[in-house]
Amino acid sequence: MDNTILIRTAKTSDAPAFRQLRLQALREHPEAFSSDYAVNAAHPDSFWEGRLAEMGEQGMLFFALHEENLVGMCGIQRDYSPKTCHSAMIWGVYVQPLWRSQQLAGKLIASCLDWAGAHKVTIVKLAVVTTNTAAIRCYARSGFQVYGVEPAAILSNGVSYDELLMARPL
């Protein structure tokens, strides 16, 4: 099997595959995302196309592809206000289980950090549930440090999850 992976920015034509990958992430790891599976599954195709079409100066979504199949994703979104547009958030980090041993999340995050640097972002932040130790290690390897904890940030299936708040200056 050829394990060659391409990291690239999202295109509007990726909408169906993006929907499928995002729903997989929300279904398999409901505790890791503030977005809800049922709400997102109900969105029409135009919603997914719109999410990708709006990427540009305020944010970007990167995909990891193997033989044209999306196997991972990571987004970055900068703030809109002139007082906060120096800051951006990493969101939606997900790699399919078969591909998790290849450091793809780190490569996707590096692409987001490169985008941030090119758009004059000076600090990048993210939030991660405290139970996701593999993701926390990945973010630490990428230079992120914990600056706080948001208690009970996510309530999934009756269980409350705290989130570590992490940041990395550029």
N, C-alpha and C. Protein backbone atom coordinates (compact mmCIF):
# COMPACT_ATOMS: atom_id res chain seq x y z
N MET A 1 0.84 -1.17 0.00
CA MET A 1 0.00 0.00 0.00
C MET A 1 0.89 1.24 0.00
N ASP A 2 0.58 2.18 -0.86
CA ASP A 2 1.29 3.45 -0.94
C ASP A 2 0.74 4.37 0.16
N ASN A 3 1.61 4.80 1.05
CA ASN A 3 1.18 5.65 2.16
C ASN A 3 1.47 7.13 1.91
N THR A 4 1.64 7.52 0.65
CA THR A 4 1.92 8.91 0.33
C THR A 4 0.71 9.77 0.68
N ILE A 5 0.99 10.83 1.43
CA ILE A 5 -0.07 11.74 1.87
C ILE A 5 0.22 13.13 1.32
N LEU A 6 -0.81 13.77 0.82
CA LEU A 6 -0.73 15.15 0.35
C LEU A 6 -1.52 16.02 1.33
N ILE A 7 -0.92 17.11 1.78
CA ILE A 7 -1.63 18.10 2.59
C ILE A 7 -1.92 19.28 1.68
N ARG A 8 -3.20 19.68 1.61
CA ARG A 8 -3.56 20.81 0.75
C ARG A 8 -4.76 21.54 1.34
N THR A 9 -4.97 22.75 0.80
CA THR A 9 -6.12 23.54 1.22
C THR A 9 -7.40 22.95 0.64
N ALA A 10 -8.48 23.25 1.31
CA ALA A 10 -9.79 22.77 0.88
C ALA A 10 -10.24 23.48 -0.39
N LYS A 11 -11.00 22.77 -1.20
CA LYS A 11 -11.64 23.33 -2.39
C LYS A 11 -13.15 23.11 -2.24
N THR A 12 -13.92 23.96 -2.86
CA THR A 12 -15.37 23.83 -2.78
C THR A 12 -15.83 22.44 -3.22
N SER A 13 -15.15 21.86 -4.19
CA SER A 13 -15.52 20.54 -4.68
C SER A 13 -15.29 19.44 -3.65
N ASP A 14 -14.60 19.74 -2.55
CA ASP A 14 -14.39 18.76 -1.48
C ASP A 14 -15.60 18.62 -0.57
N ALA A 15 -16.64 19.42 -0.78
CA ALA A 15 -17.77 19.48 0.15
C ALA A 15 -18.34 18.10 0.51
N PRO A 16 -18.64 17.21 -0.43
CA PRO A 16 -19.21 15.92 -0.03
C PRO A 16 -18.26 15.09 0.85
N ALA A 17 -17.00 15.07 0.49
CA ALA A 17 -16.03 14.32 1.29
C ALA A 17 -15.78 14.99 2.64
N PHE A 18 -15.78 16.32 2.67
CA PHE A 18 -15.65 17.06 3.93
C PHE A 18 -16.80 16.72 4.85
N ARG A 19 -18.02 16.73 4.33
CA ARG A 19 -19.20 16.38 5.13
C ARG A 19 -19.03 14.99 5.73
N GLN A 20 -18.63 14.05 4.92
CA GLN A 20 -18.48 12.66 5.37
C GLN A 20 -17.41 12.56 6.47
N LEU A 21 -16.26 13.20 6.28
CA LEU A 21 -15.18 13.13 7.26
C LEU A 21 -15.58 13.85 8.56
N ARG A 22 -16.20 15.01 8.44
CA ARG A 22 -16.62 15.76 9.63
C ARG A 22 -17.67 14.99 10.42
N LEU A 23 -18.63 14.39 9.73
CA LEU A 23 -19.65 13.61 10.43
C LEU A 23 -19.05 12.38 11.09
N GLN A 24 -18.07 11.76 10.45
CA GLN A 24 -17.38 10.63 11.06
C GLN A 24 -16.73 11.06 12.38
N ALA A 25 -16.05 12.19 12.35
CA ALA A 25 -15.39 12.70 13.56
C ALA A 25 -16.41 12.96 14.66
N LEU A 26 -17.50 13.63 14.33
CA LEU A 26 -18.52 13.96 15.33
C LEU A 26 -19.22 12.73 15.86
N ARG A 27 -19.44 11.74 15.03
CA ARG A 27 -20.11 10.50 15.45
C ARG A 27 -19.20 9.65 16.34
N GLU A 28 -17.94 9.50 15.93
CA GLU A 28 -17.04 8.60 16.65
C GLU A 28 -16.44 9.22 17.91
N HIS A 29 -16.37 10.54 17.97
CA HIS A 29 -15.74 11.21 19.11
C HIS A 29 -16.58 12.41 19.57
N PRO A 30 -17.82 12.16 20.01
CA PRO A 30 -18.69 13.27 20.38
C PRO A 30 -18.15 14.12 21.52
N GLU A 31 -17.32 13.54 22.36
CA GLU A 31 -16.75 14.28 23.49
C GLU A 31 -15.65 15.25 23.07
N ALA A 32 -15.12 15.08 21.89
CA ALA A 32 -13.97 15.88 21.45
C ALA A 32 -14.36 17.16 20.71
N PHE A 33 -15.62 17.31 20.36
CA PHE A 33 -16.05 18.45 19.54
C PHE A 33 -17.26 19.12 20.16
N SER A 34 -17.31 20.43 20.11
CA SER A 34 -18.49 21.14 20.60
C SER A 34 -19.64 21.05 19.59
N SER A 35 -19.32 20.81 18.34
CA SER A 35 -20.37 20.62 17.32
C SER A 35 -21.07 19.28 17.54
N ASP A 36 -22.34 19.24 17.19
CA ASP A 36 -23.16 18.06 17.42
C ASP A 36 -23.39 17.28 16.11
N TYR A 37 -23.30 15.97 16.19
CA TYR A 37 -23.48 15.11 15.01
C TYR A 37 -24.85 15.32 14.37
N ALA A 38 -25.93 15.20 15.15
CA ALA A 38 -27.28 15.26 14.58
C ALA A 38 -27.54 16.61 13.91
N VAL A 39 -27.11 17.68 14.53
CA VAL A 39 -27.29 19.01 13.95
C VAL A 39 -26.56 19.10 12.62
N ASN A 40 -25.31 18.64 12.59
CA ASN A 40 -24.51 18.73 11.36
C ASN A 40 -25.01 17.78 10.28
N ALA A 41 -25.48 16.60 10.67
CA ALA A 41 -25.99 15.64 9.69
C ALA A 41 -27.24 16.18 8.99
N ALA A 42 -27.96 17.06 9.65
CA ALA A 42 -29.19 17.62 9.08
C ALA A 42 -28.93 18.77 8.11
N HIS A 43 -27.72 19.29 8.09
CA HIS A 43 -27.43 20.40 7.18
C HIS A 43 -27.48 19.95 5.72
N PRO A 44 -28.03 20.79 4.84
CA PRO A 44 -28.06 20.46 3.41
C PRO A 44 -26.67 20.59 2.79
N ASP A 45 -26.52 20.06 1.60
CA ASP A 45 -25.23 20.14 0.89
C ASP A 45 -24.74 21.57 0.77
N SER A 46 -25.66 22.50 0.59
CA SER A 46 -25.27 23.90 0.43
C SER A 46 -24.53 24.44 1.66
N PHE A 47 -24.84 23.93 2.84
CA PHE A 47 -24.13 24.33 4.06
C PHE A 47 -22.66 23.97 3.96
N TRP A 48 -22.38 22.74 3.53
CA TRP A 48 -21.00 22.25 3.46
C TRP A 48 -20.23 22.98 2.36
N GLU A 49 -20.89 23.24 1.25
CA GLU A 49 -20.27 24.01 0.17
C GLU A 49 -19.97 25.42 0.65
N GLY A 50 -20.89 26.01 1.39
CA GLY A 50 -20.71 27.35 1.92
C GLY A 50 -19.56 27.44 2.90
N ARG A 51 -19.41 26.42 3.74
CA ARG A 51 -18.28 26.41 4.70
C ARG A 51 -16.96 26.48 3.97
N LEU A 52 -16.85 25.75 2.86
CA LEU A 52 -15.59 25.72 2.12
C LEU A 52 -15.42 26.97 1.27
N ALA A 53 -16.51 27.51 0.75
CA ALA A 53 -16.43 28.70 -0.10
C ALA A 53 -16.00 29.93 0.68
N GLU A 54 -16.30 29.96 1.97
CA GLU A 54 -15.99 31.16 2.76
C GLU A 54 -14.54 31.20 3.27
N MET A 55 -13.76 30.18 2.97
CA MET A 55 -12.36 30.18 3.40
C MET A 55 -11.58 31.25 2.63
N GLY A 56 -10.58 31.81 3.26
CA GLY A 56 -9.77 32.84 2.59
C GLY A 56 -8.97 33.64 3.57
N GLU A 57 -9.29 34.93 3.68
CA GLU A 57 -8.52 35.83 4.55
C GLU A 57 -8.78 35.57 6.04
N GLN A 58 -9.95 35.07 6.38
CA GLN A 58 -10.27 34.89 7.79
C GLN A 58 -10.01 33.47 8.28
N GLY A 59 -9.81 32.54 7.38
CA GLY A 59 -9.56 31.18 7.83
C GLY A 59 -9.28 30.25 6.67
N MET A 60 -8.85 29.05 7.04
CA MET A 60 -8.54 28.05 6.03
C MET A 60 -8.76 26.67 6.64
N LEU A 61 -9.09 25.73 5.78
CA LEU A 61 -9.23 24.34 6.16
C LEU A 61 -8.24 23.54 5.33
N PHE A 62 -7.48 22.71 5.99
CA PHE A 62 -6.49 21.87 5.32
C PHE A 62 -6.92 20.42 5.42
N PHE A 63 -6.68 19.69 4.34
CA PHE A 63 -6.99 18.26 4.29
C PHE A 63 -5.72 17.46 4.07
N ALA A 64 -5.70 16.27 4.66
CA ALA A 64 -4.70 15.26 4.35
C ALA A 64 -5.38 14.27 3.42
N LEU A 65 -4.76 14.02 2.26
CA LEU A 65 -5.34 13.13 1.26
C LEU A 65 -4.42 11.95 0.99
N HIS A 66 -5.04 10.81 0.83
CA HIS A 66 -4.35 9.62 0.36
C HIS A 66 -5.11 9.14 -0.86
N GLU A 67 -4.45 9.14 -2.00
CA GLU A 67 -5.08 8.72 -3.26
C GLU A 67 -6.43 9.41 -3.46
N GLU A 68 -6.45 10.73 -3.26
CA GLU A 68 -7.63 11.58 -3.44
C GLU A 68 -8.73 11.36 -2.40
N ASN A 69 -8.48 10.54 -1.38
CA ASN A 69 -9.45 10.34 -0.30
C ASN A 69 -9.04 11.17 0.90
N LEU A 70 -9.99 11.92 1.47
CA LEU A 70 -9.70 12.70 2.66
C LEU A 70 -9.53 11.77 3.85
N VAL A 71 -8.37 11.87 4.52
CA VAL A 71 -8.10 11.02 5.68
C VAL A 71 -7.86 11.85 6.94
N GLY A 72 -7.78 13.18 6.79
CA GLY A 72 -7.59 14.05 7.94
C GLY A 72 -7.92 15.48 7.59
N MET A 73 -8.14 16.29 8.65
CA MET A 73 -8.46 17.69 8.42
C MET A 73 -8.09 18.51 9.64
N CYS A 74 -7.91 19.81 9.41
CA CYS A 74 -7.63 20.75 10.48
C CYS A 74 -7.93 22.14 9.94
N GLY A 75 -8.67 22.92 10.71
CA GLY A 75 -9.01 24.27 10.29
C GLY A 75 -8.41 25.32 11.20
N ILE A 76 -8.32 26.52 10.68
CA ILE A 76 -7.89 27.68 11.46
C ILE A 76 -8.80 28.83 11.10
N GLN A 77 -9.19 29.60 12.11
CA GLN A 77 -10.08 30.74 11.91
C GLN A 77 -9.57 31.90 12.74
N ARG A 78 -9.32 33.02 12.07
CA ARG A 78 -8.86 34.20 12.81
C ARG A 78 -10.06 35.02 13.25
N ASP A 79 -9.87 35.81 14.28
CA ASP A 79 -10.92 36.69 14.75
C ASP A 79 -11.17 37.80 13.73
N TYR A 80 -12.39 38.36 13.72
CA TYR A 80 -12.77 39.38 12.76
C TYR A 80 -12.51 40.80 13.24
N SER A 81 -12.59 41.01 14.53
CA SER A 81 -12.45 42.36 15.07
C SER A 81 -11.04 42.90 14.86
N PRO A 82 -10.92 44.18 14.53
CA PRO A 82 -9.58 44.77 14.39
C PRO A 82 -8.74 44.63 15.66
N LYS A 83 -9.40 44.54 16.82
CA LYS A 83 -8.69 44.42 18.08
C LYS A 83 -8.25 42.99 18.39
N THR A 84 -8.82 42.02 17.70
CA THR A 84 -8.50 40.62 18.01
C THR A 84 -8.06 39.81 16.79
N CYS A 85 -7.94 40.44 15.63
CA CYS A 85 -7.60 39.69 14.41
C CYS A 85 -6.15 39.21 14.39
N HIS A 86 -5.38 39.56 15.41
CA HIS A 86 -4.02 39.02 15.55
C HIS A 86 -4.05 37.59 16.10
N SER A 87 -5.22 37.13 16.48
CA SER A 87 -5.41 35.83 17.12
C SER A 87 -6.23 34.90 16.23
N ALA A 88 -5.90 33.62 16.25
CA ALA A 88 -6.65 32.63 15.48
C ALA A 88 -6.84 31.36 16.31
N MET A 89 -7.87 30.59 15.96
CA MET A 89 -8.18 29.33 16.64
C MET A 89 -8.03 28.15 15.69
N ILE A 90 -7.39 27.11 16.17
CA ILE A 90 -7.37 25.82 15.47
C ILE A 90 -8.69 25.13 15.81
N TRP A 91 -9.32 24.51 14.81
CA TRP A 91 -10.59 23.82 15.05
C TRP A 91 -10.67 22.55 14.19
N GLY A 92 -11.52 21.64 14.59
CA GLY A 92 -11.88 20.48 13.77
C GLY A 92 -10.76 19.52 13.44
N VAL A 93 -9.78 19.38 14.31
CA VAL A 93 -8.67 18.47 14.03
C VAL A 93 -9.19 17.03 14.11
N TYR A 94 -8.98 16.29 13.02
CA TYR A 94 -9.41 14.88 12.99
C TYR A 94 -8.59 14.13 11.96
N VAL A 95 -8.14 12.95 12.35
CA VAL A 95 -7.45 12.03 11.45
C VAL A 95 -8.12 10.67 11.61
N GLN A 96 -8.44 10.03 10.50
CA GLN A 96 -9.06 8.70 10.57
C GLN A 96 -8.14 7.73 11.31
N PRO A 97 -8.72 6.79 12.07
CA PRO A 97 -7.91 5.89 12.91
C PRO A 97 -6.77 5.17 12.17
N LEU A 98 -6.99 4.71 10.96
CA LEU A 98 -5.96 3.99 10.21
C LEU A 98 -4.72 4.83 9.96
N TRP A 99 -4.86 6.15 9.97
CA TRP A 99 -3.77 7.05 9.60
C TRP A 99 -3.14 7.77 10.79
N ARG A 100 -3.56 7.44 12.00
CA ARG A 100 -3.10 8.19 13.17
C ARG A 100 -1.64 7.94 13.55
N SER A 101 -1.04 6.93 13.09
CA SER A 101 0.36 6.64 13.47
C SER A 101 1.37 7.39 12.59
N GLN A 102 0.90 8.23 11.69
CA GLN A 102 1.80 8.88 10.72
C GLN A 102 2.00 10.37 10.98
N GLN A 103 1.65 10.86 12.16
CA GLN A 103 1.88 12.26 12.54
C GLN A 103 1.17 13.25 11.61
N LEU A 104 0.04 12.83 11.05
CA LEU A 104 -0.68 13.72 10.14
C LEU A 104 -1.27 14.93 10.85
N ALA A 105 -1.73 14.75 12.06
CA ALA A 105 -2.30 15.89 12.79
C ALA A 105 -1.24 16.98 12.94
N GLY A 106 -0.02 16.59 13.25
CA GLY A 106 1.06 17.56 13.37
C GLY A 106 1.34 18.29 12.06
N LYS A 107 1.27 17.56 10.96
CA LYS A 107 1.49 18.18 9.65
C LYS A 107 0.35 19.13 9.28
N LEU A 108 -0.87 18.75 9.63
CA LEU A 108 -2.02 19.62 9.38
C LEU A 108 -1.93 20.89 10.23
N ILE A 109 -1.54 20.74 11.48
CA ILE A 109 -1.39 21.89 12.36
C ILE A 109 -0.28 22.80 11.84
N ALA A 110 0.82 22.21 11.38
CA ALA A 110 1.92 23.02 10.82
C ALA A 110 1.42 23.83 9.63
N SER A 111 0.55 23.26 8.81
CA SER A 111 -0.02 24.01 7.67
C SER A 111 -0.85 25.18 8.17
N CYS A 112 -1.62 24.97 9.23
CA CYS A 112 -2.41 26.05 9.81
C CYS A 112 -1.50 27.14 10.38
N LEU A 113 -0.42 26.74 11.03
CA LEU A 113 0.50 27.73 11.60
C LEU A 113 1.19 28.53 10.49
N ASP A 114 1.52 27.86 9.39
CA ASP A 114 2.10 28.57 8.25
C ASP A 114 1.11 29.60 7.70
N TRP A 115 -0.15 29.18 7.56
CA TRP A 115 -1.20 30.10 7.09
C TRP A 115 -1.30 31.29 8.04
N ALA A 116 -1.31 31.01 9.34
CA ALA A 116 -1.42 32.08 10.34
C ALA A 116 -0.28 33.07 10.21
N GLY A 117 0.94 32.57 10.07
CA GLY A 117 2.09 33.46 9.93
C GLY A 117 1.99 34.34 8.70
N ALA A 118 1.50 33.77 7.61
CA ALA A 118 1.36 34.52 6.36
C ALA A 118 0.25 35.58 6.44
N HIS A 119 -0.66 35.43 7.42
CA HIS A 119 -1.78 36.37 7.57
C HIS A 119 -1.61 37.25 8.81
N LYS A 120 -0.36 37.40 9.26
CA LYS A 120 -0.03 38.32 10.35
C LYS A 120 -0.70 37.98 11.68
N VAL A 121 -1.01 36.71 11.87
CA VAL A 121 -1.52 36.24 13.16
C VAL A 121 -0.31 36.10 14.09
N THR A 122 -0.45 36.56 15.32
CA THR A 122 0.68 36.50 16.25
C THR A 122 0.48 35.48 17.37
N ILE A 123 -0.74 34.97 17.54
CA ILE A 123 -0.98 33.92 18.52
C ILE A 123 -2.07 32.99 18.01
N VAL A 124 -1.85 31.69 18.17
CA VAL A 124 -2.81 30.68 17.76
C VAL A 124 -3.23 29.91 19.00
N LYS A 125 -4.54 29.70 19.13
CA LYS A 125 -5.08 29.03 20.31
C LYS A 125 -5.88 27.81 19.88
N LEU A 126 -6.12 26.92 20.84
CA LEU A 126 -6.99 25.77 20.61
C LEU A 126 -7.51 25.29 21.95
N ALA A 127 -8.50 24.44 21.90
CA ALA A 127 -9.05 23.79 23.10
C ALA A 127 -9.12 22.30 22.83
N VAL A 128 -8.80 21.51 23.85
CA VAL A 128 -8.79 20.05 23.72
C VAL A 128 -9.29 19.43 25.01
N VAL A 129 -10.17 18.43 24.89
CA VAL A 129 -10.68 17.78 26.10
C VAL A 129 -9.51 17.14 26.84
N THR A 130 -9.57 17.20 28.15
CA THR A 130 -8.47 16.74 28.99
C THR A 130 -8.24 15.23 28.88
N THR A 131 -9.23 14.50 28.39
CA THR A 131 -9.09 13.05 28.25
C THR A 131 -8.38 12.64 26.96
N ASN A 132 -8.17 13.56 26.04
CA ASN A 132 -7.56 13.23 24.75
C ASN A 132 -6.04 13.42 24.84
N THR A 133 -5.40 12.49 25.50
CA THR A 133 -3.96 12.63 25.78
C THR A 133 -3.11 12.59 24.51
N ALA A 134 -3.52 11.82 23.52
CA ALA A 134 -2.75 11.78 22.27
C ALA A 134 -2.76 13.15 21.59
N ALA A 135 -3.91 13.80 21.56
CA ALA A 135 -4.00 15.13 20.95
C ALA A 135 -3.20 16.15 21.76
N ILE A 136 -3.27 16.06 23.08
CA ILE A 136 -2.51 16.99 23.93
C ILE A 136 -1.02 16.85 23.65
N ARG A 137 -0.52 15.62 23.53
CA ARG A 137 0.90 15.41 23.20
C ARG A 137 1.23 15.99 21.83
N CYS A 138 0.36 15.80 20.86
CA CYS A 138 0.57 16.35 19.51
C CYS A 138 0.65 17.86 19.55
N TYR A 139 -0.25 18.49 20.26
CA TYR A 139 -0.25 19.95 20.34
C TYR A 139 0.99 20.45 21.06
N ALA A 140 1.42 19.76 22.11
CA ALA A 140 2.64 20.16 22.82
C ALA A 140 3.85 20.04 21.89
N ARG A 141 3.92 18.96 21.09
CA ARG A 141 5.01 18.81 20.11
C ARG A 141 5.00 19.95 19.09
N SER A 142 3.83 20.50 18.83
CA SER A 142 3.68 21.60 17.87
C SER A 142 3.93 22.96 18.51
N GLY A 143 4.31 22.97 19.77
CA GLY A 143 4.68 24.22 20.44
C GLY A 143 3.59 24.88 21.26
N PHE A 144 2.45 24.23 21.41
CA PHE A 144 1.36 24.80 22.20
C PHE A 144 1.59 24.53 23.69
N GLN A 145 1.21 25.51 24.51
CA GLN A 145 1.32 25.37 25.96
C GLN A 145 -0.03 25.67 26.59
N VAL A 146 -0.31 24.99 27.69
CA VAL A 146 -1.57 25.18 28.41
C VAL A 146 -1.54 26.54 29.11
N TYR A 147 -2.63 27.29 28.95
CA TYR A 147 -2.76 28.56 29.67
C TYR A 147 -4.00 28.59 30.56
N GLY A 148 -4.80 27.53 30.52
CA GLY A 148 -5.98 27.49 31.37
C GLY A 148 -6.81 26.25 31.14
N VAL A 149 -7.87 26.14 31.91
CA VAL A 149 -8.81 25.02 31.81
C VAL A 149 -10.20 25.60 31.80
N GLU A 150 -11.02 25.13 30.87
CA GLU A 150 -12.43 25.50 30.88
C GLU A 150 -13.21 24.33 31.46
N PRO A 151 -13.73 24.49 32.66
CA PRO A 151 -14.45 23.37 33.28
C PRO A 151 -15.78 23.11 32.57
N ALA A 152 -16.12 21.83 32.48
CA ALA A 152 -17.40 21.40 31.90
C ALA A 152 -17.67 22.07 30.55
N ALA A 153 -16.67 22.12 29.71
CA ALA A 153 -16.80 22.78 28.41
C ALA A 153 -17.73 22.03 27.47
N ILE A 154 -17.75 20.71 27.57
CA ILE A 154 -18.57 19.88 26.70
C ILE A 154 -19.37 18.90 27.55
N LEU A 155 -20.64 18.75 27.23
CA LEU A 155 -21.50 17.76 27.87
C LEU A 155 -21.96 16.81 26.77
N SER A 156 -21.47 15.58 26.83
CA SER A 156 -21.79 14.60 25.79
C SER A 156 -22.26 13.31 26.45
N ASN A 157 -23.44 12.86 26.05
CA ASN A 157 -24.02 11.62 26.58
C ASN A 157 -24.05 11.62 28.10
N GLY A 158 -24.37 12.78 28.69
CA GLY A 158 -24.50 12.89 30.13
C GLY A 158 -23.18 13.01 30.89
N VAL A 159 -22.07 13.05 30.17
CA VAL A 159 -20.76 13.17 30.80
C VAL A 159 -20.18 14.54 30.50
N SER A 160 -19.65 15.19 31.53
CA SER A 160 -19.06 16.51 31.39
C SER A 160 -17.56 16.38 31.17
N TYR A 161 -17.04 17.17 30.23
CA TYR A 161 -15.61 17.14 29.90
C TYR A 161 -15.01 18.54 30.05
N ASP A 162 -13.90 18.61 30.75
CA ASP A 162 -13.13 19.84 30.83
C ASP A 162 -12.26 19.95 29.57
N GLU A 163 -11.92 21.18 29.20
CA GLU A 163 -11.00 21.40 28.09
C GLU A 163 -9.76 22.15 28.56
N LEU A 164 -8.61 21.71 28.07
CA LEU A 164 -7.39 22.48 28.23
C LEU A 164 -7.39 23.56 27.18
N LEU A 165 -7.06 24.78 27.57
CA LEU A 165 -6.90 25.89 26.65
C LEU A 165 -5.41 26.01 26.39
N MET A 166 -5.02 25.95 25.13
CA MET A 166 -3.61 25.96 24.76
C MET A 166 -3.36 27.07 23.76
N ALA A 167 -2.14 27.62 23.78
CA ALA A 167 -1.78 28.69 22.86
C ALA A 167 -0.34 28.54 22.44
N ARG A 168 -0.07 29.12 21.27
CA ARG A 168 1.30 29.17 20.75
C ARG A 168 1.50 30.52 20.09
N PRO A 169 2.45 31.32 20.61
CA PRO A 169 2.78 32.57 19.91
C PRO A 169 3.55 32.26 18.63
N LEU A 170 3.39 33.13 17.63
CA LEU A 170 4.14 32.95 16.38
C LEU A 170 5.24 33.98 16.30
